[in-house]
Amino acid sequence: MDNLLLKIFKIISLIFIILAVVLQLTILIQGDDLSDQVLNNYALLSYLALGLTTFLALLFPIIFMILDPKKAIKVFLAFAGLVIIGVISYSFASNSFNIEELQRLDTTVETSKIVGASLYFTYIIGGLTVLSVIYSGISSFFK
């Protein structure tokens, strides 16, 4: 099955590469007379690639969770941990701007709080990453 998937991905990749080359040659031939249709085709190609990769990025983990339910529990626990970190980050976040600054930045109090929560989330995940690297280094030293 792995070989079949690899062949399918190679074929899909080649199709996307050929389409991109054809669009690029069209742009080179047209030169400064670049029509909106060619650019729309570029956008369509990128939307197709993004949609396909998003679909596959969601499909394959679901398939592998069905095939191996024990690993699915680990995934759900990791997801629950991320949700907990997100809730903690949002609860610590606050708006530090006054009304004039918010108007100058053209934003709202809620947007400011979400940005703050995103920063806290990034700091927590980054800190946990550094701690896990340190832990793995120390634990491998003693093994």
N, C-alpha and C. Protein backbone atom coordinates (compact mmCIF):
# COMPACT_ATOMS: atom_id res chain seq x y z
N MET A 1 0.82 -1.19 0.00
CA MET A 1 0.00 0.00 0.00
C MET A 1 0.86 1.26 0.00
N ASP A 2 2.01 1.19 0.71
CA ASP A 2 2.89 2.35 0.76
C ASP A 2 3.43 2.70 -0.63
N ASN A 3 3.78 1.67 -1.41
CA ASN A 3 4.29 1.92 -2.76
C ASN A 3 3.22 2.54 -3.65
N LEU A 4 1.97 2.10 -3.48
CA LEU A 4 0.87 2.66 -4.25
C LEU A 4 0.67 4.14 -3.90
N LEU A 5 0.68 4.45 -2.61
CA LEU A 5 0.54 5.85 -2.19
C LEU A 5 1.69 6.70 -2.71
N LEU A 6 2.90 6.15 -2.67
CA LEU A 6 4.06 6.89 -3.17
C LEU A 6 3.92 7.17 -4.66
N LYS A 7 3.46 6.20 -5.43
CA LYS A 7 3.26 6.40 -6.86
C LYS A 7 2.18 7.44 -7.13
N ILE A 8 1.09 7.39 -6.37
CA ILE A 8 0.01 8.37 -6.54
C ILE A 8 0.52 9.77 -6.24
N PHE A 9 1.27 9.92 -5.16
CA PHE A 9 1.81 11.25 -4.81
C PHE A 9 2.80 11.75 -5.86
N LYS A 10 3.58 10.85 -6.42
CA LYS A 10 4.51 11.26 -7.47
C LYS A 10 3.76 11.74 -8.70
N ILE A 11 2.70 11.03 -9.06
CA ILE A 11 1.91 11.44 -10.23
C ILE A 11 1.24 12.78 -10.00
N ILE A 12 0.65 12.96 -8.81
CA ILE A 12 0.00 14.24 -8.49
C ILE A 12 1.03 15.37 -8.48
N SER A 13 2.20 15.10 -7.93
CA SER A 13 3.26 16.12 -7.91
C SER A 13 3.68 16.49 -9.33
N LEU A 14 3.85 15.50 -10.18
CA LEU A 14 4.23 15.77 -11.56
C LEU A 14 3.16 16.58 -12.29
N ILE A 15 1.90 16.28 -12.03
CA ILE A 15 0.81 17.05 -12.65
C ILE A 15 0.88 18.51 -12.22
N PHE A 16 1.08 18.75 -10.94
CA PHE A 16 1.19 20.13 -10.45
C PHE A 16 2.42 20.83 -11.03
N ILE A 17 3.53 20.12 -11.13
CA ILE A 17 4.75 20.71 -11.69
C ILE A 17 4.53 21.07 -13.16
N ILE A 18 3.93 20.16 -13.91
CA ILE A 18 3.67 20.42 -15.33
C ILE A 18 2.74 21.62 -15.50
N LEU A 19 1.68 21.69 -14.71
CA LEU A 19 0.77 22.83 -14.78
C LEU A 19 1.49 24.14 -14.44
N ALA A 20 2.34 24.12 -13.43
CA ALA A 20 3.08 25.33 -13.07
C ALA A 20 4.04 25.75 -14.17
N VAL A 21 4.69 24.78 -14.81
CA VAL A 21 5.61 25.10 -15.91
C VAL A 21 4.84 25.69 -17.08
N VAL A 22 3.69 25.11 -17.40
CA VAL A 22 2.88 25.63 -18.50
C VAL A 22 2.45 27.07 -18.20
N LEU A 23 2.00 27.32 -16.98
CA LEU A 23 1.60 28.68 -16.62
C LEU A 23 2.79 29.64 -16.67
N GLN A 24 3.95 29.19 -16.22
CA GLN A 24 5.14 30.05 -16.26
C GLN A 24 5.54 30.35 -17.69
N LEU A 25 5.48 29.35 -18.56
CA LEU A 25 5.81 29.59 -19.98
C LEU A 25 4.81 30.56 -20.61
N THR A 26 3.55 30.45 -20.23
CA THR A 26 2.54 31.37 -20.73
C THR A 26 2.87 32.80 -20.32
N ILE A 27 3.31 32.97 -19.09
CA ILE A 27 3.68 34.32 -18.63
C ILE A 27 4.90 34.82 -19.38
N LEU A 28 5.89 33.95 -19.59
CA LEU A 28 7.10 34.37 -20.30
C LEU A 28 6.78 34.75 -21.74
N ILE A 29 5.88 34.03 -22.38
CA ILE A 29 5.52 34.32 -23.77
C ILE A 29 4.74 35.62 -23.86
N GLN A 30 3.81 35.84 -22.93
CA GLN A 30 3.00 37.05 -22.98
C GLN A 30 3.77 38.30 -22.56
N GLY A 31 4.77 38.13 -21.75
CA GLY A 31 5.59 39.26 -21.33
C GLY A 31 4.81 40.28 -20.54
N ASP A 32 4.87 41.55 -20.97
CA ASP A 32 4.19 42.62 -20.25
C ASP A 32 2.68 42.60 -20.46
N ASP A 33 2.22 41.86 -21.44
CA ASP A 33 0.79 41.74 -21.69
C ASP A 33 0.16 40.67 -20.80
N LEU A 34 0.53 40.67 -19.55
CA LEU A 34 0.07 39.65 -18.61
C LEU A 34 -1.42 39.82 -18.35
N SER A 35 -2.17 38.80 -18.69
CA SER A 35 -3.62 38.89 -18.52
C SER A 35 -4.01 38.39 -17.14
N ASP A 36 -5.15 38.86 -16.70
CA ASP A 36 -5.67 38.41 -15.41
C ASP A 36 -6.00 36.93 -15.42
N GLN A 37 -6.33 36.39 -16.58
CA GLN A 37 -6.68 34.98 -16.68
C GLN A 37 -5.50 34.09 -16.28
N VAL A 38 -4.28 34.45 -16.68
CA VAL A 38 -3.11 33.65 -16.33
C VAL A 38 -2.87 33.71 -14.83
N LEU A 39 -3.00 34.90 -14.26
CA LEU A 39 -2.81 35.03 -12.82
C LEU A 39 -3.92 34.30 -12.06
N ASN A 40 -5.12 34.34 -12.60
CA ASN A 40 -6.21 33.60 -11.96
C ASN A 40 -5.94 32.10 -12.00
N ASN A 41 -5.33 31.63 -13.08
CA ASN A 41 -4.97 30.21 -13.16
C ASN A 41 -3.91 29.85 -12.13
N TYR A 42 -2.95 30.75 -11.92
CA TYR A 42 -1.96 30.54 -10.87
C TYR A 42 -2.63 30.43 -9.51
N ALA A 43 -3.55 31.34 -9.23
CA ALA A 43 -4.25 31.31 -7.96
C ALA A 43 -5.07 30.03 -7.82
N LEU A 44 -5.72 29.62 -8.89
CA LEU A 44 -6.51 28.39 -8.86
C LEU A 44 -5.62 27.19 -8.59
N LEU A 45 -4.46 27.14 -9.22
CA LEU A 45 -3.53 26.04 -9.00
C LEU A 45 -3.06 26.01 -7.55
N SER A 46 -2.78 27.17 -6.99
CA SER A 46 -2.33 27.20 -5.60
C SER A 46 -3.46 26.81 -4.65
N TYR A 47 -4.70 27.21 -4.96
CA TYR A 47 -5.84 26.81 -4.14
C TYR A 47 -6.06 25.30 -4.21
N LEU A 48 -5.90 24.73 -5.38
CA LEU A 48 -6.03 23.28 -5.53
C LEU A 48 -4.96 22.55 -4.72
N ALA A 49 -3.73 23.03 -4.81
CA ALA A 49 -2.64 22.40 -4.05
C ALA A 49 -2.87 22.53 -2.55
N LEU A 50 -3.30 23.71 -2.12
CA LEU A 50 -3.58 23.92 -0.70
C LEU A 50 -4.73 23.05 -0.24
N GLY A 51 -5.79 22.98 -1.03
CA GLY A 51 -6.93 22.14 -0.66
C GLY A 51 -6.57 20.68 -0.58
N LEU A 52 -5.80 20.21 -1.54
CA LEU A 52 -5.39 18.81 -1.55
C LEU A 52 -4.51 18.48 -0.35
N THR A 53 -3.54 19.32 -0.07
CA THR A 53 -2.66 19.06 1.06
C THR A 53 -3.41 19.15 2.38
N THR A 54 -4.35 20.07 2.49
CA THR A 54 -5.15 20.17 3.71
C THR A 54 -6.00 18.92 3.88
N PHE A 55 -6.63 18.48 2.81
CA PHE A 55 -7.45 17.26 2.86
C PHE A 55 -6.61 16.07 3.29
N LEU A 56 -5.44 15.91 2.68
CA LEU A 56 -4.58 14.77 3.02
C LEU A 56 -4.01 14.89 4.43
N ALA A 57 -3.71 16.12 4.85
CA ALA A 57 -3.19 16.32 6.20
C ALA A 57 -4.23 15.97 7.26
N LEU A 58 -5.49 16.09 6.91
CA LEU A 58 -6.56 15.69 7.84
C LEU A 58 -6.92 14.22 7.69
N LEU A 59 -6.85 13.70 6.47
CA LEU A 59 -7.28 12.33 6.21
C LEU A 59 -6.32 11.29 6.79
N PHE A 60 -5.03 11.45 6.56
CA PHE A 60 -4.08 10.42 6.96
C PHE A 60 -4.00 10.23 8.47
N PRO A 61 -3.98 11.26 9.28
CA PRO A 61 -4.01 11.00 10.73
C PRO A 61 -5.27 10.26 11.17
N ILE A 62 -6.39 10.56 10.55
CA ILE A 62 -7.62 9.85 10.90
C ILE A 62 -7.51 8.38 10.54
N ILE A 63 -6.97 8.10 9.36
CA ILE A 63 -6.80 6.71 8.94
C ILE A 63 -5.85 5.97 9.87
N PHE A 64 -4.74 6.60 10.22
CA PHE A 64 -3.77 5.93 11.09
C PHE A 64 -4.31 5.77 12.51
N MET A 65 -5.17 6.69 12.96
CA MET A 65 -5.78 6.53 14.28
C MET A 65 -6.76 5.35 14.27
N ILE A 66 -7.46 5.16 13.17
CA ILE A 66 -8.38 4.03 13.07
C ILE A 66 -7.61 2.72 13.04
N LEU A 67 -6.47 2.72 12.34
CA LEU A 67 -5.67 1.50 12.23
C LEU A 67 -4.95 1.16 13.52
N ASP A 68 -4.58 2.17 14.32
CA ASP A 68 -3.87 1.94 15.57
C ASP A 68 -4.50 2.81 16.67
N PRO A 69 -5.55 2.30 17.32
CA PRO A 69 -6.27 3.11 18.32
C PRO A 69 -5.43 3.49 19.55
N LYS A 70 -4.40 2.69 19.88
CA LYS A 70 -3.58 3.04 21.04
C LYS A 70 -2.84 4.35 20.83
N LYS A 71 -2.38 4.58 19.61
CA LYS A 71 -1.70 5.84 19.31
C LYS A 71 -2.70 6.99 19.26
N ALA A 72 -3.95 6.68 18.96
CA ALA A 72 -4.98 7.71 18.91
C ALA A 72 -5.19 8.33 20.29
N ILE A 73 -5.07 7.53 21.32
CA ILE A 73 -5.22 8.05 22.68
C ILE A 73 -4.12 9.06 22.97
N LYS A 74 -2.91 8.78 22.55
CA LYS A 74 -1.80 9.72 22.75
C LYS A 74 -2.05 11.03 22.01
N VAL A 75 -2.60 10.92 20.81
CA VAL A 75 -2.90 12.13 20.03
C VAL A 75 -3.97 12.96 20.73
N PHE A 76 -5.01 12.30 21.22
CA PHE A 76 -6.07 13.03 21.92
C PHE A 76 -5.56 13.66 23.21
N LEU A 77 -4.66 12.98 23.92
CA LEU A 77 -4.07 13.56 25.13
C LEU A 77 -3.21 14.78 24.79
N ALA A 78 -2.45 14.70 23.71
CA ALA A 78 -1.64 15.84 23.28
C ALA A 78 -2.54 17.01 22.88
N PHE A 79 -3.61 16.71 22.17
CA PHE A 79 -4.56 17.76 21.77
C PHE A 79 -5.21 18.39 23.00
N ALA A 80 -5.58 17.56 23.98
CA ALA A 80 -6.16 18.08 25.22
C ALA A 80 -5.16 18.97 25.94
N GLY A 81 -3.88 18.59 25.93
CA GLY A 81 -2.85 19.42 26.54
C GLY A 81 -2.73 20.78 25.86
N LEU A 82 -2.81 20.78 24.53
CA LEU A 82 -2.76 22.05 23.80
C LEU A 82 -3.97 22.92 24.10
N VAL A 83 -5.13 22.29 24.24
CA VAL A 83 -6.34 23.05 24.58
C VAL A 83 -6.20 23.66 25.97
N ILE A 84 -5.66 22.89 26.92
CA ILE A 84 -5.47 23.40 28.27
C ILE A 84 -4.49 24.57 28.26
N ILE A 85 -3.40 24.44 27.52
CA ILE A 85 -2.43 25.54 27.42
C ILE A 85 -3.09 26.76 26.77
N GLY A 86 -3.94 26.53 25.78
CA GLY A 86 -4.67 27.64 25.15
C GLY A 86 -5.59 28.35 26.11
N VAL A 87 -6.31 27.59 26.93
CA VAL A 87 -7.21 28.20 27.92
C VAL A 87 -6.43 28.98 28.95
N ILE A 88 -5.32 28.43 29.41
CA ILE A 88 -4.47 29.14 30.38
C ILE A 88 -3.93 30.42 29.76
N SER A 89 -3.48 30.35 28.52
CA SER A 89 -2.95 31.53 27.84
C SER A 89 -4.01 32.60 27.71
N TYR A 90 -5.21 32.21 27.33
CA TYR A 90 -6.29 33.18 27.16
C TYR A 90 -6.69 33.80 28.50
N SER A 91 -6.64 33.00 29.58
CA SER A 91 -7.03 33.54 30.88
C SER A 91 -6.00 34.54 31.41
N PHE A 92 -4.73 34.36 31.05
CA PHE A 92 -3.70 35.31 31.48
C PHE A 92 -3.63 36.55 30.59
N ALA A 93 -4.13 36.46 29.39
CA ALA A 93 -4.02 37.58 28.44
C ALA A 93 -4.95 38.71 28.86
N SER A 94 -4.49 39.92 28.58
CA SER A 94 -5.32 41.10 28.86
C SER A 94 -5.03 42.16 27.82
N ASN A 95 -5.86 43.17 27.81
CA ASN A 95 -5.66 44.29 26.90
C ASN A 95 -4.88 45.36 27.64
N SER A 96 -3.72 45.72 27.13
CA SER A 96 -2.90 46.73 27.79
C SER A 96 -2.98 48.08 27.08
N PHE A 97 -3.86 48.21 26.09
CA PHE A 97 -3.99 49.45 25.35
C PHE A 97 -5.19 50.24 25.84
N ASN A 98 -5.07 51.56 25.79
CA ASN A 98 -6.23 52.38 26.09
C ASN A 98 -7.04 52.61 24.81
N ILE A 99 -8.16 53.31 24.94
CA ILE A 99 -9.08 53.49 23.80
C ILE A 99 -8.40 54.18 22.63
N GLU A 100 -7.60 55.22 22.91
CA GLU A 100 -6.95 55.96 21.82
C GLU A 100 -5.95 55.08 21.07
N GLU A 101 -5.19 54.28 21.82
CA GLU A 101 -4.22 53.39 21.15
C GLU A 101 -4.93 52.33 20.31
N LEU A 102 -6.04 51.81 20.81
CA LEU A 102 -6.79 50.83 20.05
C LEU A 102 -7.34 51.43 18.76
N GLN A 103 -7.82 52.67 18.84
CA GLN A 103 -8.33 53.33 17.64
C GLN A 103 -7.20 53.61 16.66
N ARG A 104 -6.05 54.01 17.17
CA ARG A 104 -4.90 54.29 16.30
C ARG A 104 -4.42 53.01 15.62
N LEU A 105 -4.47 51.90 16.34
CA LEU A 105 -4.05 50.62 15.77
C LEU A 105 -5.17 49.95 14.97
N ASP A 106 -6.35 50.54 14.99
CA ASP A 106 -7.52 50.02 14.27
C ASP A 106 -7.80 48.58 14.67
N THR A 107 -7.93 48.35 15.97
CA THR A 107 -8.20 47.02 16.50
C THR A 107 -9.20 47.12 17.65
N THR A 108 -9.58 45.97 18.16
CA THR A 108 -10.55 45.93 19.25
C THR A 108 -9.90 45.34 20.49
N VAL A 109 -10.61 45.42 21.59
CA VAL A 109 -10.12 44.87 22.85
C VAL A 109 -9.98 43.35 22.72
N GLU A 110 -10.97 42.71 22.10
CA GLU A 110 -10.93 41.26 21.95
C GLU A 110 -9.75 40.81 21.08
N THR A 111 -9.50 41.52 20.00
CA THR A 111 -8.36 41.19 19.15
C THR A 111 -7.05 41.34 19.91
N SER A 112 -6.94 42.40 20.68
CA SER A 112 -5.75 42.61 21.49
C SER A 112 -5.55 41.47 22.48
N LYS A 113 -6.65 41.01 23.09
CA LYS A 113 -6.55 39.91 24.04
C LYS A 113 -6.16 38.61 23.34
N ILE A 114 -6.69 38.37 22.15
CA ILE A 114 -6.34 37.15 21.40
C ILE A 114 -4.87 37.17 20.99
N VAL A 115 -4.38 38.33 20.59
CA VAL A 115 -2.96 38.45 20.24
C VAL A 115 -2.09 38.17 21.47
N GLY A 116 -2.49 38.73 22.61
CA GLY A 116 -1.75 38.47 23.85
C GLY A 116 -1.77 37.00 24.22
N ALA A 117 -2.93 36.36 24.06
CA ALA A 117 -3.04 34.93 24.36
C ALA A 117 -2.16 34.12 23.41
N SER A 118 -2.11 34.52 22.15
CA SER A 118 -1.25 33.82 21.18
C SER A 118 0.22 33.95 21.56
N LEU A 119 0.60 35.12 22.03
CA LEU A 119 1.99 35.29 22.48
C LEU A 119 2.29 34.42 23.69
N TYR A 120 1.39 34.41 24.68
CA TYR A 120 1.59 33.54 25.84
C TYR A 120 1.66 32.08 25.42
N PHE A 121 0.78 31.66 24.51
CA PHE A 121 0.78 30.29 24.02
C PHE A 121 2.13 29.95 23.38
N THR A 122 2.63 30.87 22.57
CA THR A 122 3.93 30.66 21.92
C THR A 122 5.05 30.57 22.95
N TYR A 123 5.02 31.43 23.97
CA TYR A 123 6.05 31.39 25.01
C TYR A 123 6.01 30.07 25.77
N ILE A 124 4.80 29.62 26.11
CA ILE A 124 4.67 28.37 26.87
C ILE A 124 5.16 27.18 26.03
N ILE A 125 4.72 27.10 24.78
CA ILE A 125 5.15 25.99 23.93
C ILE A 125 6.66 26.05 23.69
N GLY A 126 7.19 27.24 23.47
CA GLY A 126 8.63 27.39 23.28
C GLY A 126 9.41 26.96 24.52
N GLY A 127 8.92 27.37 25.69
CA GLY A 127 9.57 26.97 26.93
C GLY A 127 9.52 25.47 27.15
N LEU A 128 8.38 24.86 26.87
CA LEU A 128 8.26 23.41 27.00
C LEU A 128 9.17 22.69 26.01
N THR A 129 9.34 23.26 24.84
CA THR A 129 10.24 22.67 23.85
C THR A 129 11.68 22.71 24.34
N VAL A 130 12.09 23.84 24.86
CA VAL A 130 13.46 23.96 25.39
C VAL A 130 13.66 22.98 26.54
N LEU A 131 12.68 22.89 27.44
CA LEU A 131 12.79 21.96 28.56
C LEU A 131 12.86 20.51 28.08
N SER A 132 12.10 20.17 27.06
CA SER A 132 12.14 18.79 26.57
C SER A 132 13.48 18.47 25.90
N VAL A 133 14.07 19.45 25.22
CA VAL A 133 15.39 19.23 24.62
C VAL A 133 16.44 19.05 25.71
N ILE A 134 16.37 19.86 26.75
CA ILE A 134 17.31 19.73 27.87
C ILE A 134 17.13 18.38 28.55
N TYR A 135 15.86 18.00 28.79
CA TYR A 135 15.59 16.71 29.43
C TYR A 135 16.11 15.55 28.60
N SER A 136 15.86 15.57 27.28
CA SER A 136 16.32 14.47 26.44
C SER A 136 17.84 14.40 26.39
N GLY A 137 18.50 15.56 26.42
CA GLY A 137 19.95 15.58 26.43
C GLY A 137 20.51 15.00 27.72
N ILE A 138 19.91 15.38 28.85
CA ILE A 138 20.39 14.88 30.14
C ILE A 138 20.07 13.40 30.28
N SER A 139 18.87 12.98 29.88
CA SER A 139 18.50 11.57 30.03
C SER A 139 19.34 10.67 29.11
N SER A 140 19.68 11.14 27.93
CA SER A 140 20.53 10.32 27.06
C SER A 140 21.96 10.26 27.57
N PHE A 141 22.37 11.25 28.34
CA PHE A 141 23.71 11.24 28.92
C PHE A 141 23.83 10.14 29.96
N PHE A 142 22.76 9.89 30.71
CA PHE A 142 22.80 8.89 31.76
C PHE A 142 22.46 7.48 31.29
N LYS A 143 22.06 7.32 30.06
CA LYS A 143 21.72 5.98 29.55
C LYS A 143 22.92 5.25 29.04
